[in-house]
Protein backbone atom coordinates (compact mmCIF):
# COMPACT_ATOMS: atom_id res chain seq x y z
CA UNK A 1 -12.11 31.19 7.97
CA UNK A 2 -12.49 27.75 9.58
CA UNK A 3 -11.10 25.96 6.37
CA UNK A 4 -7.84 27.71 7.44
CA UNK A 5 -7.88 27.56 11.04
CA UNK A 6 -9.03 23.87 11.40
CA UNK A 7 -6.05 22.49 9.47
CA UNK A 8 -3.54 24.56 11.57
CA UNK A 9 -5.20 23.20 14.74
CA UNK A 10 -4.74 19.57 13.43
CA UNK A 11 -1.14 20.08 12.81
CA UNK A 12 -0.67 21.75 16.12
CA UNK A 13 -2.28 18.63 17.85
CA UNK A 14 -0.45 16.14 15.72
CA UNK A 15 2.87 17.73 16.42
CA UNK A 16 2.47 18.96 19.85
CA UNK A 17 0.83 16.19 21.84
CA UNK A 18 1.31 12.62 22.42
CA UNK A 19 -2.33 11.80 21.43
CA UNK A 20 -1.19 13.42 18.08
CA UNK A 21 -0.19 9.85 17.02
CA UNK A 22 -4.05 9.45 16.61
CA UNK A 23 -4.73 12.48 14.53
CA UNK A 24 -5.14 11.97 10.89
CA UNK A 25 -1.88 12.31 8.79
CA UNK A 26 -0.67 15.81 8.37
CA UNK A 27 1.19 15.04 5.02
CA UNK A 28 -2.13 13.99 3.46
CA UNK A 29 -3.93 17.01 4.85
CA UNK A 30 -1.06 19.37 3.58
CA UNK A 31 -1.34 17.88 0.01
CA UNK A 32 -5.08 18.12 0.01
CA UNK A 33 -4.98 21.58 0.99
CA UNK A 34 -2.41 22.57 -1.50
CA UNK A 35 -4.48 20.81 -4.38
CA UNK A 36 -7.65 22.66 -3.25
CA UNK A 37 -5.57 26.05 -3.34
CA UNK A 38 -4.31 24.84 -6.74
CA UNK A 39 -7.85 24.61 -8.07
CA UNK A 40 -8.54 27.98 -6.53
CA UNK A 41 -10.88 26.89 -3.75
CA UNK A 42 -8.58 27.99 -1.06
CA UNK A 43 -6.07 30.94 -1.02
CA UNK A 44 -2.50 30.45 -0.21
CA UNK A 45 -2.57 33.42 2.19
CA UNK A 46 -3.61 32.86 4.96
CA UNK A 47 -3.30 29.22 4.53
CA UNK A 48 0.63 28.95 4.49
CA UNK A 49 1.24 31.20 7.52
CA UNK A 50 -1.37 29.43 9.57
CA UNK A 51 -0.02 25.83 8.69
CA UNK A 52 3.51 26.94 9.58
CA UNK A 53 2.15 28.41 12.83
CA UNK A 54 0.24 25.32 13.78
CA UNK A 55 3.28 22.97 13.33
CA UNK A 56 5.80 25.20 14.79
CA UNK A 57 3.74 26.01 17.91
CA UNK A 58 3.10 22.29 18.13
CA UNK A 59 6.85 21.74 18.24
CA UNK A 60 7.06 24.19 21.04
CA UNK A 61 4.34 22.52 23.02
CA UNK A 62 5.92 18.92 22.31
CA UNK A 63 9.24 20.19 23.67
CA UNK A 64 7.51 21.66 26.76
CA UNK A 65 5.71 18.58 27.63
CA UNK A 66 8.77 16.57 26.98
CA UNK A 67 10.85 18.82 29.51
CA UNK A 68 7.99 18.58 32.13
CA UNK A 69 7.72 14.88 31.94
CA UNK A 70 11.55 14.33 31.89
CA UNK A 71 12.49 10.85 31.50
CA UNK A 72 8.90 9.79 31.98
CA UNK A 73 8.50 10.45 28.30
CA UNK A 74 9.96 7.07 27.58
CA UNK A 75 6.96 5.16 29.44
CA UNK A 76 4.35 7.18 27.59
CA UNK A 77 5.24 6.45 24.01
CA UNK A 78 4.93 3.26 22.11
CA UNK A 79 8.21 1.38 22.21
CA UNK A 80 8.32 0.92 18.56
CA UNK A 81 7.87 4.73 17.93
CA UNK A 82 10.39 5.71 20.47
CA UNK A 83 12.97 3.21 19.06
CA UNK A 84 12.36 4.86 15.40
CA UNK A 85 12.74 8.36 16.76
CA UNK A 86 15.80 7.58 18.46
CA UNK A 87 17.30 6.09 15.32
CA UNK A 88 16.58 9.02 13.46
CA UNK A 89 18.02 11.24 16.29
CA UNK A 90 21.27 9.14 16.49
CA UNK A 91 21.90 8.92 12.70
CA UNK A 92 21.04 12.67 12.00
CA UNK A 93 21.77 14.52 15.26
CA UNK A 94 20.07 17.79 15.76
CA UNK A 95 19.26 18.09 11.95
CA UNK A 96 16.80 15.35 12.58
CA UNK A 97 14.42 18.11 13.33
CA UNK A 98 14.48 19.05 9.73
CA UNK A 99 13.30 15.53 8.71
CA UNK A 100 11.12 14.62 11.46
CA UNK A 101 8.01 16.66 10.24
CA UNK A 102 8.13 14.34 7.22
CA UNK A 103 7.98 11.05 9.17
CA UNK A 104 4.52 10.29 10.93
CA UNK A 105 4.79 9.46 14.29
CA UNK A 106 8.46 10.73 14.62
CA UNK A 107 7.13 14.28 14.16
CA UNK A 108 5.31 13.72 17.47
CA UNK A 109 7.82 11.70 19.43
CA UNK A 110 11.00 13.75 18.51
CA UNK A 111 9.88 17.00 20.17
CA UNK A 112 8.90 15.13 23.34
CA UNK A 113 12.14 13.32 23.35
CA UNK A 114 14.28 16.29 22.84
CA UNK A 115 12.50 18.17 25.55
CA UNK A 116 12.99 15.27 27.89
CA UNK A 117 16.62 15.06 27.07
CA UNK A 118 17.00 18.89 27.90
CA UNK A 119 18.20 19.64 24.18
CA UNK A 120 19.10 23.48 24.10
CA UNK A 121 15.89 25.39 23.58
CA UNK A 122 17.27 28.06 21.23
CA UNK A 123 18.79 25.67 18.86
CA UNK A 124 15.69 23.54 19.02
CA UNK A 125 13.42 26.39 18.15
CA UNK A 126 15.44 27.33 15.17
CA UNK A 127 15.71 23.93 13.60
CA UNK A 128 11.99 23.27 14.43
CA UNK A 129 10.90 26.50 12.77
CA UNK A 130 13.08 25.47 9.73
CA UNK A 131 11.70 21.91 9.59
CA UNK A 132 8.07 23.40 10.01
CA UNK A 133 8.55 25.70 7.34
CA UNK A 134 9.92 23.11 4.73
CA UNK A 135 7.23 20.60 5.76
CA UNK A 136 4.15 22.87 5.45
CA UNK A 137 5.26 25.05 2.74
CA UNK A 138 6.86 22.33 0.83
CA UNK A 139 4.12 20.06 0.72
CA UNK A 140 1.34 22.58 0.20
CA UNK A 141 3.10 24.29 -2.67
CA UNK A 142 4.06 21.03 -4.49
CA UNK A 143 0.43 20.13 -4.47
CA UNK A 144 -0.63 23.65 -5.33
CA UNK A 145 1.35 23.42 -8.63
CA UNK A 146 0.18 19.99 -9.24
CA UNK A 147 -3.47 21.09 -8.71
CA UNK A 148 -2.94 23.82 -11.23
CA UNK A 149 -1.50 21.46 -13.89
CA UNK A 150 -3.10 17.96 -13.19
CA UNK A 151 -6.57 17.04 -13.87
CA UNK A 152 -8.59 16.64 -10.68
CA UNK A 153 -9.59 13.20 -12.02
CA UNK A 154 -5.93 12.06 -11.75
CA UNK A 155 -4.91 14.27 -8.84
CA UNK A 156 -7.55 13.35 -6.17
CA UNK A 157 -7.26 9.32 -6.67
CA UNK A 158 -3.43 9.98 -6.30
CA UNK A 159 -3.82 11.79 -3.02
CA UNK A 160 -6.37 9.15 -1.76
CA UNK A 161 -3.92 6.36 -2.44
CA UNK A 162 -1.18 8.46 -0.67
CA UNK A 163 -3.53 8.89 2.38
CA UNK A 164 -4.06 4.99 2.30
CA UNK A 165 -0.48 3.97 2.00
CA UNK A 166 0.48 4.23 5.77
CA UNK A 167 -2.62 2.08 6.35
CA UNK A 168 -1.49 -0.61 3.99
CA UNK A 169 2.13 -0.52 5.10
CA UNK A 170 1.07 -1.41 8.88
CA UNK A 171 -0.40 -4.75 7.71
């Protein structure tokens, strides 16, 4: 059961808390879990609902922390990340919540920022639910179907490369 609960907890921590910036990448985790499910090592149920729940609840906690800290959020986030999250928010408006889960760092900063700005809670929860659904289910199912059709000798090195790309891009 821990194989299902631990990844949901990782997503919850990554999305919901400012220290989520230091939790390993959720995208890579979702792709690896989908590939494992495609190989028959994990079951899609309860994996998919738990991953959605972890992400969605993380969004809710991030919003609540931002609401509680108010404008102080700006002091607690790295300036470059805050600028990136604000650019996404200004460009896309509320629909940024649909894209934010796919952007490492932004998926942590945006809930805090929207909470601090007093974004309407009902609209936030609706968009956060849809964004969490698209992110968790989309990446897991993509890797699931690849895991069923692509040789593990090709799939796992590709996933490893995807995991290392953010590290290579920072240099």
